[in-house]
Amino acid sequence: MSESYIKNHFHDIKRNANAIEHRLDDTYCTLERVLEENAQVLELAQKNRANYILIDDEYKINIDL
């Protein structure tokens, strides 16, 4: 996710945090921490030439579970 996407959608990110994981306590999940961790992951992906999708705008995906 781009920095601007995270800043503009942080409330949505927090609200949907339990979509995959069931966290008992996510008070550690702050805007600053998400930005920092996301920057580290993006840097590693680029450094290792990994394919990635940079979400910078609306994010809609349909997944059959």
Protein backbone atom coordinates (compact mmCIF):
# COMPACT_ATOMS: atom_id res chain seq x y z
CA MET A 1 0.00 0.00 0.00
CA SER A 2 1.22 3.48 -0.71
CA GLU A 3 1.77 5.92 2.13
CA SER A 4 -1.12 8.07 0.91
CA TYR A 5 -3.44 5.05 0.74
CA ILE A 6 -2.59 4.10 4.33
CA LYS A 7 -3.11 7.66 5.56
CA ASN A 8 -6.43 8.01 3.72
CA HIS A 9 -7.76 4.56 4.67
CA PHE A 10 -6.25 3.82 8.08
CA HIS A 11 -9.69 3.62 9.70
CA ASP A 12 -10.73 1.00 7.12
CA ILE A 13 -7.49 -0.93 7.62
CA LYS A 14 -8.10 -1.07 11.37
CA ARG A 15 -11.78 -1.91 10.95
CA ASN A 16 -10.98 -4.87 8.68
CA ALA A 17 -7.94 -6.10 10.61
CA ASN A 18 -9.78 -9.19 11.81
CA ALA A 19 -10.87 -10.29 8.35
CA ILE A 20 -8.06 -12.87 8.29
CA GLU A 21 -6.66 -12.93 11.80
CA HIS A 22 -8.61 -12.81 15.04
CA ARG A 23 -6.60 -10.41 17.16
CA LEU A 24 -7.43 -10.03 20.80
CA ASP A 25 -5.59 -6.74 21.16
CA ASP A 26 -4.50 -4.45 18.36
CA THR A 27 -3.69 -1.33 20.37
CA TYR A 28 -0.15 -1.62 18.99
CA CYS A 29 -1.57 -0.99 15.50
CA THR A 30 -1.00 2.73 15.03
CA LEU A 31 -0.80 4.77 11.86
CA GLU A 32 2.91 5.35 12.44
CA ARG A 33 3.62 1.66 12.94
CA VAL A 34 1.66 0.60 9.85
CA LEU A 35 3.49 3.20 7.76
CA GLU A 36 6.87 2.05 9.09
CA GLU A 37 6.21 -1.67 8.61
CA ASN A 38 4.72 -1.12 5.18
CA ALA A 39 7.78 0.88 4.07
CA GLN A 40 10.05 -1.95 5.25
CA VAL A 41 8.06 -4.58 3.35
CA LEU A 42 8.01 -2.47 0.18
CA GLU A 43 11.76 -1.88 0.42
CA LEU A 44 12.42 -5.62 0.80
CA ALA A 45 10.15 -6.45 -2.13
CA GLN A 46 11.97 -3.96 -4.36
CA LYS A 47 15.41 -5.03 -3.12
CA ASN A 48 14.63 -8.67 -3.86
CA ARG A 49 12.88 -7.88 -7.13
CA ALA A 50 9.68 -9.50 -5.91
CA ASN A 51 6.46 -8.95 -7.77
CA TYR A 52 4.06 -6.80 -5.77
CA ILE A 53 0.90 -4.82 -6.26
CA LEU A 54 1.09 -1.28 -4.92
CA ILE A 55 -2.36 -0.26 -3.74
CA ASP A 56 -2.63 3.49 -4.16
CA ASP A 57 -6.31 3.97 -4.87
CA GLU A 58 -9.55 2.11 -4.38
CA TYR A 59 -9.01 -1.54 -3.49
CA LYS A 60 -11.71 -3.99 -4.44
CA ILE A 61 -11.16 -7.67 -4.91
CA ASN A 62 -13.46 -10.64 -5.05
CA ILE A 63 -12.09 -13.85 -3.62
CA ASP A 64 -14.03 -17.07 -3.56
CA LEU A 65 -13.39 -18.70 -0.21
